Amino acid sequence: MENKTPTIGSRIRIEREQLGKSQLDLAKEVGFESATAISLIESGARGVAAETLSLIAKALKVDVKQLLGQKPDEVDVIVALRADKYLDDAAKDYMTKFIEDAKKRHAKR
């Protein structure tokens, strides 16, 4: 029976291809001299160290958790906004209302 669960390598390949990057492009961004290392990682023939996975995620503009097959943490913008000590209460209220309105418009789609 064949395992259909995506691997870290296949997730890297999918993200890389969506950005239109070649294996060589990604390899150079991560610090490899050739595309071979990325090819081996994507095929599952080579493991990937945590530090390298972090560099790959950064180059692909994704959360490491996504490459691991986990759901990235969702940031609650309103909580972050409320924690901003440089905005006064009126500005925080305005931004909170704007965000809530945007969420409602998006939900209607």
PDB file of N, CA and C in Angstrom:
ATOM      1  N   MET A   1       0.842  -1.187   0.000  1.00  0.00           N
ATOM      2  CA  MET A   1       0.000   0.000   0.000  1.00  0.00           C
ATOM      3  C   MET A   1       0.884   1.245   0.000  1.00  0.00           C
ATOM      4  N   GLU A   2       0.627   2.164  -0.915  1.00  0.00           N
ATOM      5  CA  GLU A   2       1.443   3.365  -1.074  1.00  0.00           C
ATOM      6  C   GLU A   2       0.995   4.459  -0.106  1.00  0.00           C
ATOM      7  N   ASN A   3       1.975   5.127   0.518  1.00  0.00           N
ATOM      8  CA  ASN A   3       1.693   6.218   1.453  1.00  0.00           C
ATOM      9  C   ASN A   3       1.488   7.510   0.662  1.00  0.00           C
ATOM     10  N   LYS A   4       0.319   8.113   0.793  1.00  0.00           N
ATOM     11  CA  LYS A   4      -0.019   9.333   0.050  1.00  0.00           C
ATOM     12  C   LYS A   4       0.223  10.604   0.854  1.00  0.00           C
ATOM     13  N   THR A   5       0.718  10.476   2.089  1.00  0.00           N
ATOM     14  CA  THR A   5       0.987  11.645   2.906  1.00  0.00           C
ATOM     15  C   THR A   5       2.160  12.417   2.320  1.00  0.00           C
ATOM     16  N   PRO A   6       1.972  13.723   2.064  1.00  0.00           N
ATOM     17  CA  PRO A   6       3.081  14.511   1.512  1.00  0.00           C
ATOM     18  C   PRO A   6       4.277  14.539   2.472  1.00  0.00           C
ATOM     19  N   THR A   7       5.451  14.500   1.917  1.00  0.00           N
ATOM     20  CA  THR A   7       6.674  14.557   2.711  1.00  0.00           C
ATOM     21  C   THR A   7       7.167  15.996   2.786  1.00  0.00           C
ATOM     22  N   ILE A   8       8.123  16.227   3.666  1.00  0.00           N
ATOM     23  CA  ILE A   8       8.740  17.561   3.736  1.00  0.00           C
ATOM     24  C   ILE A   8       9.289  17.929   2.357  1.00  0.00           C
ATOM     25  N   GLY A   9       9.954  16.991   1.726  1.00  0.00           N
ATOM     26  CA  GLY A   9      10.529  17.241   0.405  1.00  0.00           C
ATOM     27  C   GLY A   9       9.492  17.625  -0.631  1.00  0.00           C
ATOM     28  N   SER A  10       8.360  16.907  -0.631  1.00  0.00           N
ATOM     29  CA  SER A  10       7.329  17.234  -1.621  1.00  0.00           C
ATOM     30  C   SER A  10       6.684  18.589  -1.317  1.00  0.00           C
ATOM     31  N   ARG A  11       6.569  18.930  -0.035  1.00  0.00           N
ATOM     32  CA  ARG A  11       6.028  20.248   0.312  1.00  0.00           C
ATOM     33  C   ARG A  11       6.987  21.352  -0.126  1.00  0.00           C
ATOM     34  N   ILE A  12       8.282  21.117   0.043  1.00  0.00           N
ATOM     35  CA  ILE A  12       9.285  22.089  -0.413  1.00  0.00           C
ATOM     36  C   ILE A  12       9.175  22.273  -1.918  1.00  0.00           C
ATOM     37  N   ARG A  13       9.081  21.164  -2.649  1.00  0.00           N
ATOM     38  CA  ARG A  13       8.971  21.232  -4.112  1.00  0.00           C
ATOM     39  C   ARG A  13       7.742  22.031  -4.530  1.00  0.00           C
ATOM     40  N   ILE A  14       6.599  21.753  -3.905  1.00  0.00           N
ATOM     41  CA  ILE A  14       5.356  22.453  -4.245  1.00  0.00           C
ATOM     42  C   ILE A  14       5.503  23.957  -4.017  1.00  0.00           C
ATOM     43  N   GLU A  15       6.021  24.335  -2.862  1.00  0.00           N
ATOM     44  CA  GLU A  15       6.188  25.762  -2.552  1.00  0.00           C
ATOM     45  C   GLU A  15       7.191  26.418  -3.498  1.00  0.00           C
ATOM     46  N   ARG A  16       8.277  25.714  -3.781  1.00  0.00           N
ATOM     47  CA  ARG A  16       9.309  26.245  -4.687  1.00  0.00           C
ATOM     48  C   ARG A  16       8.722  26.487  -6.076  1.00  0.00           C
ATOM     49  N   GLU A  17       7.978  25.513  -6.577  1.00  0.00           N
ATOM     50  CA  GLU A  17       7.396  25.631  -7.912  1.00  0.00           C
ATOM     51  C   GLU A  17       6.344  26.736  -7.968  1.00  0.00           C
ATOM     52  N   GLN A  18       5.575  26.909  -6.877  1.00  0.00           N
ATOM     53  CA  GLN A  18       4.579  27.976  -6.859  1.00  0.00           C
ATOM     54  C   GLN A  18       5.220  29.355  -6.952  1.00  0.00           C
ATOM     55  N   LEU A  19       6.444  29.473  -6.436  1.00  0.00           N
ATOM     56  CA  LEU A  19       7.164  30.745  -6.530  1.00  0.00           C
ATOM     57  C   LEU A  19       7.923  30.880  -7.848  1.00  0.00           C
ATOM     58  N   GLY A  20       7.941  29.824  -8.641  1.00  0.00           N
ATOM     59  CA  GLY A  20       8.644  29.859  -9.919  1.00  0.00           C
ATOM     60  C   GLY A  20      10.156  29.794  -9.771  1.00  0.00           C
ATOM     61  N   LYS A  21      10.610  29.222  -8.658  1.00  0.00           N
ATOM     62  CA  LYS A  21      12.054  29.104  -8.417  1.00  0.00           C
ATOM     63  C   LYS A  21      12.546  27.749  -8.896  1.00  0.00           C
ATOM     64  N   SER A  22      13.749  27.747  -9.415  1.00  0.00           N
ATOM     65  CA  SER A  22      14.383  26.478  -9.776  1.00  0.00           C
ATOM     66  C   SER A  22      15.042  25.893  -8.536  1.00  0.00           C
ATOM     67  N   GLN A  23      15.432  24.635  -8.629  1.00  0.00           N
ATOM     68  CA  GLN A  23      16.161  24.023  -7.525  1.00  0.00           C
ATOM     69  C   GLN A  23      17.474  24.769  -7.284  1.00  0.00           C
ATOM     70  N   LEU A  24      18.103  25.225  -8.348  1.00  0.00           N
ATOM     71  CA  LEU A  24      19.354  25.968  -8.212  1.00  0.00           C
ATOM     72  C   LEU A  24      19.122  27.310  -7.515  1.00  0.00           C
ATOM     73  N   ASP A  25      18.030  27.999  -7.870  1.00  0.00           N
ATOM     74  CA  ASP A  25      17.699  29.262  -7.203  1.00  0.00           C
ATOM     75  C   ASP A  25      17.590  29.055  -5.694  1.00  0.00           C
ATOM     76  N   LEU A  26      16.829  28.044  -5.313  1.00  0.00           N
ATOM     77  CA  LEU A  26      16.619  27.774  -3.892  1.00  0.00           C
ATOM     78  C   LEU A  26      17.924  27.349  -3.226  1.00  0.00           C
ATOM     79  N   ALA A  27      18.680  26.505  -3.906  1.00  0.00           N
ATOM     80  CA  ALA A  27      19.954  26.043  -3.352  1.00  0.00           C
ATOM     81  C   ALA A  27      20.870  27.216  -3.027  1.00  0.00           C
ATOM     82  N   LYS A  28      20.980  28.150  -3.945  1.00  0.00           N
ATOM     83  CA  LYS A  28      21.857  29.312  -3.726  1.00  0.00           C
ATOM     84  C   LYS A  28      21.356  30.182  -2.581  1.00  0.00           C
ATOM     85  N   GLU A  29      20.040  30.348  -2.467  1.00  0.00           N
ATOM     86  CA  GLU A  29      19.486  31.155  -1.386  1.00  0.00           C
ATOM     87  C   GLU A  29      19.751  30.525  -0.024  1.00  0.00           C
ATOM     88  N   VAL A  30      19.804  29.204   0.010  1.00  0.00           N
ATOM     89  CA  VAL A  30      20.004  28.473   1.263  1.00  0.00           C
ATOM     90  C   VAL A  30      21.484  28.323   1.592  1.00  0.00           C
ATOM     91  N   GLY A  31      22.343  28.453   0.573  1.00  0.00           N
ATOM     92  CA  GLY A  31      23.779  28.351   0.811  1.00  0.00           C
ATOM     93  C   GLY A  31      24.431  27.113   0.237  1.00  0.00           C
ATOM     94  N   PHE A  32      23.709  26.356  -0.587  1.00  0.00           N
ATOM     95  CA  PHE A  32      24.290  25.204  -1.272  1.00  0.00           C
ATOM     96  C   PHE A  32      24.912  25.673  -2.581  1.00  0.00           C
ATOM     97  N   GLU A  33      25.937  24.973  -3.016  1.00  0.00           N
ATOM     98  CA  GLU A  33      26.607  25.363  -4.255  1.00  0.00           C
ATOM     99  C   GLU A  33      25.913  24.849  -5.505  1.00  0.00           C
ATOM    100  N   SER A  34      25.147  23.773  -5.362  1.00  0.00           N
ATOM    101  CA  SER A  34      24.463  23.219  -6.529  1.00  0.00           C
ATOM    102  C   SER A  34      23.038  22.832  -6.171  1.00  0.00           C
ATOM    103  N   ALA A  35      22.270  22.498  -7.194  1.00  0.00           N
ATOM    104  CA  ALA A  35      20.877  22.108  -7.006  1.00  0.00           C
ATOM    105  C   ALA A  35      20.740  20.684  -6.485  1.00  0.00           C
ATOM    106  N   THR A  36      21.816  19.937  -6.477  1.00  0.00           N
ATOM    107  CA  THR A  36      21.759  18.529  -6.085  1.00  0.00           C
ATOM    108  C   THR A  36      21.179  18.335  -4.689  1.00  0.00           C
ATOM    109  N   ALA A  37      21.605  19.151  -3.740  1.00  0.00           N
ATOM    110  CA  ALA A  37      21.112  19.005  -2.362  1.00  0.00           C
ATOM    111  C   ALA A  37      19.598  19.200  -2.314  1.00  0.00           C
ATOM    112  N   ILE A  38      19.086  20.205  -3.000  1.00  0.00           N
ATOM    113  CA  ILE A  38      17.636  20.451  -3.016  1.00  0.00           C
ATOM    114  C   ILE A  38      16.930  19.294  -3.706  1.00  0.00           C
ATOM    115  N   SER A  39      17.483  18.807  -4.789  1.00  0.00           N
ATOM    116  CA  SER A  39      16.900  17.671  -5.497  1.00  0.00           C
ATOM    117  C   SER A  39      16.796  16.453  -4.576  1.00  0.00           C
ATOM    118  N   LEU A  40      17.861  16.191  -3.826  1.00  0.00           N
ATOM    119  CA  LEU A  40      17.869  15.043  -2.917  1.00  0.00           C
ATOM    120  C   LEU A  40      16.881  15.231  -1.766  1.00  0.00           C
ATOM    121  N   ILE A  41      16.782  16.452  -1.245  1.00  0.00           N
ATOM    122  CA  ILE A  41      15.826  16.736  -0.173  1.00  0.00           C
ATOM    123  C   ILE A  41      14.403  16.545  -0.685  1.00  0.00           C
ATOM    124  N   GLU A  42      14.118  17.102  -1.858  1.00  0.00           N
ATOM    125  CA  GLU A  42      12.770  17.003  -2.409  1.00  0.00           C
ATOM    126  C   GLU A  42      12.374  15.564  -2.717  1.00  0.00           C
ATOM    127  N   SER A  43      13.325  14.754  -3.115  1.00  0.00           N
ATOM    128  CA  SER A  43      13.021  13.354  -3.444  1.00  0.00           C
ATOM    129  C   SER A  43      12.962  12.463  -2.202  1.00  0.00           C
ATOM    130  N   GLY A  44      13.412  12.984  -1.067  1.00  0.00           N
ATOM    131  CA  GLY A  44      13.418  12.194   0.161  1.00  0.00           C
ATOM    132  C   GLY A  44      14.669  11.368   0.349  1.00  0.00           C
ATOM    133  N   ALA A  45      15.638  11.519  -0.562  1.00  0.00           N
ATOM    134  CA  ALA A  45      16.875  10.756  -0.479  1.00  0.00           C
ATOM    135  C   ALA A  45      17.854  11.363   0.518  1.00  0.00           C
ATOM    136  N   ARG A  46      17.580  12.586   0.944  1.00  0.00           N
ATOM    137  CA  ARG A  46      18.441  13.267   1.907  1.00  0.00           C
ATOM    138  C   ARG A  46      17.573  13.937   2.965  1.00  0.00           C
ATOM    139  N   GLY A  47      17.970  13.815   4.192  1.00  0.00           N
ATOM    140  CA  GLY A  47      17.272  14.500   5.273  1.00  0.00           C
ATOM    141  C   GLY A  47      17.624  15.975   5.252  1.00  0.00           C
ATOM    142  N   VAL A  48      16.930  16.722   6.076  1.00  0.00           N
ATOM    143  CA  VAL A  48      17.178  18.154   6.134  1.00  0.00           C
ATOM    144  C   VAL A  48      17.282  18.569   7.605  1.00  0.00           C
ATOM    145  N   ALA A  49      18.367  19.245   7.936  1.00  0.00           N
ATOM    146  CA  ALA A  49      18.586  19.716   9.303  1.00  0.00           C
ATOM    147  C   ALA A  49      17.607  20.851   9.614  1.00  0.00           C
ATOM    148  N   ALA A  50      17.304  21.017  10.887  1.00  0.00           N
ATOM    149  CA  ALA A  50      16.362  22.061  11.310  1.00  0.00           C
ATOM    150  C   ALA A  50      16.801  23.438  10.832  1.00  0.00           C
ATOM    151  N   GLU A  51      18.083  23.736  10.955  1.00  0.00           N
ATOM    152  CA  GLU A  51      18.587  25.045  10.530  1.00  0.00           C
ATOM    153  C   GLU A  51      18.391  25.251   9.026  1.00  0.00           C
ATOM    154  N   THR A  52      18.654  24.207   8.254  1.00  0.00           N
ATOM    155  CA  THR A  52      18.475  24.292   6.798  1.00  0.00           C
ATOM    156  C   THR A  52      17.000  24.424   6.455  1.00  0.00           C
ATOM    157  N   LEU A  53      16.152  23.686   7.160  1.00  0.00           N
ATOM    158  CA  LEU A  53      14.712  23.783   6.920  1.00  0.00           C
ATOM    159  C   LEU A  53      14.224  25.207   7.195  1.00  0.00           C
ATOM    160  N   SER A  54      14.759  25.818   8.215  1.00  0.00           N
ATOM    161  CA  SER A  54      14.404  27.199   8.531  1.00  0.00           C
ATOM    162  C   SER A  54      14.815  28.146   7.402  1.00  0.00           C
ATOM    163  N   LEU A  55      16.007  27.942   6.851  1.00  0.00           N
ATOM    164  CA  LEU A  55      16.476  28.769   5.728  1.00  0.00           C
ATOM    165  C   LEU A  55      15.616  28.553   4.485  1.00  0.00           C
ATOM    166  N   ILE A  56      15.237  27.304   4.253  1.00  0.00           N
ATOM    167  CA  ILE A  56      14.380  26.979   3.106  1.00  0.00           C
ATOM    168  C   ILE A  56      13.025  27.658   3.264  1.00  0.00           C
ATOM    169  N   ALA A  57      12.448  27.564   4.459  1.00  0.00           N
ATOM    170  CA  ALA A  57      11.149  28.191   4.712  1.00  0.00           C
ATOM    171  C   ALA A  57      11.217  29.694   4.474  1.00  0.00           C
ATOM    172  N   LYS A  58      12.286  30.312   4.949  1.00  0.00           N
ATOM    173  CA  LYS A  58      12.449  31.755   4.755  1.00  0.00           C
ATOM    174  C   LYS A  58      12.551  32.088   3.263  1.00  0.00           C
ATOM    175  N   ALA A  59      13.328  31.314   2.524  1.00  0.00           N
ATOM    176  CA  ALA A  59      13.485  31.551   1.086  1.00  0.00           C
ATOM    177  C   ALA A  59      12.167  31.347   0.335  1.00  0.00           C
ATOM    178  N   LEU A  60      11.344  30.421   0.831  1.00  0.00           N
ATOM    179  CA  LEU A  60      10.066  30.134   0.182  1.00  0.00           C
ATOM    180  C   LEU A  60       8.923  30.986   0.730  1.00  0.00           C
ATOM    181  N   LYS A  61       9.245  31.823   1.741  1.00  0.00           N
ATOM    182  CA  LYS A  61       8.261  32.728   2.338  1.00  0.00           C
ATOM    183  C   LYS A  61       7.077  31.974   2.949  1.00  0.00           C
ATOM    184  N   VAL A  62       7.397  30.872   3.653  1.00  0.00           N
ATOM    185  CA  VAL A  62       6.371  30.095   4.349  1.00  0.00           C
ATOM    186  C   VAL A  62       6.833  29.822   5.773  1.00  0.00           C
ATOM    187  N   ASP A  63       5.906  29.454   6.615  1.00  0.00           N
ATOM    188  CA  ASP A  63       6.195  29.063   7.983  1.00  0.00           C
ATOM    189  C   ASP A  63       6.795  27.656   7.957  1.00  0.00           C
ATOM    190  N   VAL A  64       7.788  27.404   8.789  1.00  0.00           N
ATOM    191  CA  VAL A  64       8.392  26.071   8.879  1.00  0.00           C
ATOM    192  C   VAL A  64       7.317  25.020   9.146  1.00  0.00           C
ATOM    193  N   LYS A  65       6.333  25.381   9.953  1.00  0.00           N
ATOM    194  CA  LYS A  65       5.261  24.429  10.276  1.00  0.00           C
ATOM    195  C   LYS A  65       4.554  23.945   9.019  1.00  0.00           C
ATOM    196  N   GLN A  66       4.416  24.803   8.040  1.00  0.00           N
ATOM    197  CA  GLN A  66       3.765  24.417   6.787  1.00  0.00           C
ATOM    198  C   GLN A  66       4.570  23.334   6.087  1.00  0.00           C
ATOM    199  N   LEU A  67       5.891  23.464   6.086  1.00  0.00           N
ATOM    200  CA  LEU A  67       6.741  22.448   5.457  1.00  0.00           C
ATOM    201  C   LEU A  67       6.706  21.139   6.230  1.00  0.00           C
ATOM    202  N   LEU A  68       6.405  21.229   7.524  1.00  0.00           N
ATOM    203  CA  LEU A  68       6.301  20.031   8.360  1.00  0.00           C
ATOM    204  C   LEU A  68       4.908  19.399   8.289  1.00  0.00           C
ATOM    205  N   GLY A  69       4.003  20.038   7.559  1.00  0.00           N
ATOM    206  CA  GLY A  69       2.662  19.500   7.422  1.00  0.00           C
ATOM    207  C   GLY A  69       1.735  19.909   8.549  1.00  0.00           C
ATOM    208  N   GLN A  70       2.146  20.923   9.295  1.00  0.00           N
ATOM    209  CA  GLN A  70       1.325  21.428  10.390  1.00  0.00           C
ATOM    210  C   GLN A  70       0.691  22.748   9.975  1.00  0.00           C
ATOM    211  N   LYS A  71      -0.360  23.106  10.669  1.00  0.00           N
ATOM    212  CA  LYS A  71      -1.025  24.374  10.386  1.00  0.00           C
ATOM    213  C   LYS A  71      -0.225  25.495  11.041  1.00  0.00           C
ATOM    214  N   PRO A  72       0.187  26.502  10.255  1.00  0.00           N
ATOM    215  CA  PRO A  72       0.913  27.639  10.849  1.00  0.00           C
ATOM    216  C   PRO A  72       0.055  28.347  11.888  1.00  0.00           C
ATOM    217  N   ASP A  73       0.710  28.916  12.877  1.00  0.00           N
ATOM    218  CA  ASP A  73      -0.003  29.677  13.897  1.00  0.00           C
ATOM    219  C   ASP A  73      -0.677  30.873  13.239  1.00  0.00           C
ATOM    220  N   GLU A  74      -1.924  31.070  13.613  1.00  0.00           N
ATOM    221  CA  GLU A  74      -2.639  32.236  13.108  1.00  0.00           C
ATOM    222  C   GLU A  74      -2.420  33.390  14.076  1.00  0.00           C
ATOM    223  N   VAL A  75      -2.077  34.517  13.530  1.00  0.00           N
ATOM    224  CA  VAL A  75      -1.859  35.695  14.354  1.00  0.00           C
ATOM    225  C   VAL A  75      -3.172  36.457  14.438  1.00  0.00           C
ATOM    226  N   ASP A  76      -3.610  36.722  15.644  1.00  0.00           N
ATOM    227  CA  ASP A  76      -4.809  37.523  15.829  1.00  0.00           C
ATOM    228  C   ASP A  76      -4.384  38.982  15.763  1.00  0.00           C
ATOM    229  N   VAL A  77      -4.693  39.606  14.651  1.00  0.00           N
ATOM    230  CA  VAL A  77      -4.264  40.978  14.401  1.00  0.00           C
ATOM    231  C   VAL A  77      -4.804  41.921  15.469  1.00  0.00           C
ATOM    232  N   ILE A  78      -6.004  41.680  15.912  1.00  0.00           N
ATOM    233  CA  ILE A  78      -6.597  42.570  16.903  1.00  0.00           C
ATOM    234  C   ILE A  78      -5.844  42.485  18.227  1.00  0.00           C
ATOM    235  N   VAL A  79      -5.451  41.281  18.627  1.00  0.00           N
ATOM    236  CA  VAL A  79      -4.670  41.137  19.856  1.00  0.00           C
ATOM    237  C   VAL A  79      -3.337  41.872  19.714  1.00  0.00           C
ATOM    238  N   ALA A  80      -2.690  41.718  18.575  1.00  0.00           N
ATOM    239  CA  ALA A  80      -1.417  42.408  18.339  1.00  0.00           C
ATOM    240  C   ALA A  80      -1.621  43.919  18.358  1.00  0.00           C
ATOM    241  N   LEU A  81      -2.704  44.366  17.762  1.00  0.00           N
ATOM    242  CA  LEU A  81      -3.005  45.794  17.724  1.00  0.00           C
ATOM    243  C   LEU A  81      -3.229  46.338  19.137  1.00  0.00           C
ATOM    244  N   ARG A  82      -3.963  45.618  19.934  1.00  0.00           N
ATOM    245  CA  ARG A  82      -4.240  46.052  21.308  1.00  0.00           C
ATOM    246  C   ARG A  82      -2.957  46.133  22.134  1.00  0.00           C
ATOM    247  N   ALA A  83      -1.965  45.308  21.781  1.00  0.00           N
ATOM    248  CA  ALA A  83      -0.715  45.294  22.537  1.00  0.00           C
ATOM    249  C   ALA A  83       0.234  46.420  22.121  1.00  0.00           C
ATOM    250  N   ASP A  84      -0.071  47.111  21.027  1.00  0.00           N
ATOM    251  CA  ASP A  84       0.803  48.177  20.542  1.00  0.00           C
ATOM    252  C   ASP A  84       0.707  49.389  21.465  1.00  0.00           C
ATOM    253  N   LYS A  85       1.775  49.660  22.167  1.00  0.00           N
ATOM    254  CA  LYS A  85       1.766  50.750  23.161  1.00  0.00           C
ATOM    255  C   LYS A  85       1.898  52.138  22.536  1.00  0.00           C
ATOM    256  N   TYR A  86       2.147  52.203  21.225  1.00  0.00           N
ATOM    257  CA  TYR A  86       2.339  53.508  20.591  1.00  0.00           C
ATOM    258  C   TYR A  86       1.060  54.072  19.972  1.00  0.00           C
ATOM    259  N   LEU A  87      -0.022  53.286  19.977  1.00  0.00           N
ATOM    260  CA  LEU A  87      -1.286  53.781  19.442  1.00  0.00           C
ATOM    261  C   LEU A  87      -2.193  54.192  20.597  1.00  0.00           C
ATOM    262  N   ASP A  88      -2.888  55.306  20.405  1.00  0.00           N
ATOM    263  CA  ASP A  88      -3.836  55.695  21.454  1.00  0.00           C
ATOM    264  C   ASP A  88      -5.113  54.866  21.291  1.00  0.00           C
ATOM    265  N   ASP A  89      -6.001  54.961  22.280  1.00  0.00           N
ATOM    266  CA  ASP A  89      -7.215  54.140  22.279  1.00  0.00           C
ATOM    267  C   ASP A  89      -8.099  54.408  21.063  1.00  0.00           C
ATOM    268  N   ALA A  90      -8.185  55.654  20.641  1.00  0.00           N
ATOM    269  CA  ALA A  90      -9.020  55.997  19.487  1.00  0.00           C
ATOM    270  C   ALA A  90      -8.489  55.322  18.217  1.00  0.00           C
ATOM    271  N   ALA A  91      -7.176  55.321  18.042  1.00  0.00           N
ATOM    272  CA  ALA A  91      -6.570  54.683  16.867  1.00  0.00           C
ATOM    273  C   ALA A  91      -6.776  53.166  16.923  1.00  0.00           C
ATOM    274  N   LYS A  92      -6.632  52.596  18.107  1.00  0.00           N
ATOM    275  CA  LYS A  92      -6.844  51.149  18.261  1.00  0.00           C
ATOM    276  C   LYS A  92      -8.297  50.773  17.936  1.00  0.00           C
ATOM    277  N   ASP A  93      -9.240  51.571  18.409  1.00  0.00           N
ATOM    278  CA  ASP A  93     -10.656  51.317  18.125  1.00  0.00           C
ATOM    279  C   ASP A  93     -10.943  51.420  16.632  1.00  0.00           C
ATOM    280  N   TYR A  94     -10.369  52.434  15.981  1.00  0.00           N
ATOM    281  CA  TYR A  94     -10.553  52.619  14.541  1.00  0.00           C
ATOM    282  C   TYR A  94     -10.017  51.404  13.771  1.00  0.00           C
ATOM    283  N   MET A  95      -8.803  50.972  14.105  1.00  0.00           N
ATOM    284  CA  MET A  95      -8.185  49.840  13.414  1.00  0.00           C
ATOM    285  C   MET A  95      -8.952  48.545  13.685  1.00  0.00           C
ATOM    286  N   THR A  96      -9.406  48.355  14.901  1.00  0.00           N
ATOM    287  CA  THR A  96     -10.187  47.164  15.244  1.00  0.00           C
ATOM    288  C   THR A  96     -11.461  47.106  14.411  1.00  0.00           C
ATOM    289  N   LYS A  97     -12.162  48.224  14.299  1.00  0.00           N
ATOM    290  CA  LYS A  97     -13.391  48.274  13.493  1.00  0.00           C
ATOM    291  C   LYS A  97     -13.077  47.982  12.027  1.00  0.00           C
ATOM    292  N   PHE A  98     -12.000  48.555  11.518  1.00  0.00           N
ATOM    293  CA  PHE A  98     -11.603  48.318  10.133  1.00  0.00           C
ATOM    294  C   PHE A  98     -11.345  46.824   9.890  1.00  0.00           C
ATOM    295  N   ILE A  99     -10.615  46.181  10.793  1.00  0.00           N
ATOM    296  CA  ILE A  99     -10.296  44.755  10.648  1.00  0.00           C
ATOM    297  C   ILE A  99     -11.562  43.912  10.699  1.00  0.00           C
ATOM    298  N   GLU A 100     -12.441  44.205  11.641  1.00  0.00           N
ATOM    299  CA  GLU A 100     -13.689  43.448  11.753  1.00  0.00           C
ATOM    300  C   GLU A 100     -14.540  43.613  10.492  1.00  0.00           C
ATOM    301  N   ASP A 101     -14.619  44.817   9.955  1.00  0.00           N
ATOM    302  CA  ASP A 101     -15.364  45.058   8.718  1.00  0.00           C
ATOM    303  C   ASP A 101     -14.741  44.283   7.555  1.00  0.00           C
ATOM    304  N   ALA A 102     -13.423  44.263   7.475  1.00  0.00           N
ATOM    305  CA  ALA A 102     -12.746  43.517   6.405  1.00  0.00           C
ATOM    306  C   ALA A 102     -13.038  42.023   6.519  1.00  0.00           C
ATOM    307  N   LYS A 103     -13.051  41.496   7.742  1.00  0.00           N
ATOM    308  CA  LYS A 103     -13.361  40.070   7.946  1.00  0.00           C
ATOM    309  C   LYS A 103     -14.784  39.763   7.501  1.00  0.00           C
ATOM    310  N   LYS A 104     -15.706  40.650   7.812  1.00  0.00           N
ATOM    311  CA  LYS A 104     -17.108  40.445   7.418  1.00  0.00           C
ATOM    312  C   LYS A 104     -17.253  40.449   5.895  1.00  0.00           C
ATOM    313  N   ARG A 105     -16.577  41.388   5.236  1.00  0.00           N
ATOM    314  CA  ARG A 105     -16.637  41.450   3.758  1.00  0.00           C
ATOM    315  C   ARG A 105     -16.048  40.191   3.151  1.00  0.00           C
ATOM    316  N   HIS A 106     -14.960  39.716   3.712  1.00  0.00           N
ATOM    317  CA  HIS A 106     -14.312  38.506   3.194  1.00  0.00           C
ATOM    318  C   HIS A 106     -15.213  37.281   3.395  1.00  0.00           C
ATOM    319  N   ALA A 107     -15.897  37.206   4.525  1.00  0.00           N
ATOM    320  CA  ALA A 107     -16.760  36.074   4.835  1.00  0.00           C
ATOM    321  C   ALA A 107     -17.959  36.001   3.895  1.00  0.00           C
ATOM    322  N   LYS A 108     -18.382  37.136   3.360  1.00  0.00           N
ATOM    323  CA  LYS A 108     -19.538  37.178   2.449  1.00  0.00           C
ATOM    324  C   LYS A 108     -19.211  36.635   1.072  1.00  0.00           C
ATOM    325  N   ARG A 109     -17.944  36.541   0.745  1.00  0.00           N
ATOM    326  CA  ARG A 109     -17.532  36.098  -0.606  1.00  0.00           C
ATOM    327  C   ARG A 109     -17.843  34.667  -0.844  1.00  0.00           C
TER     328      ARG A 109
END
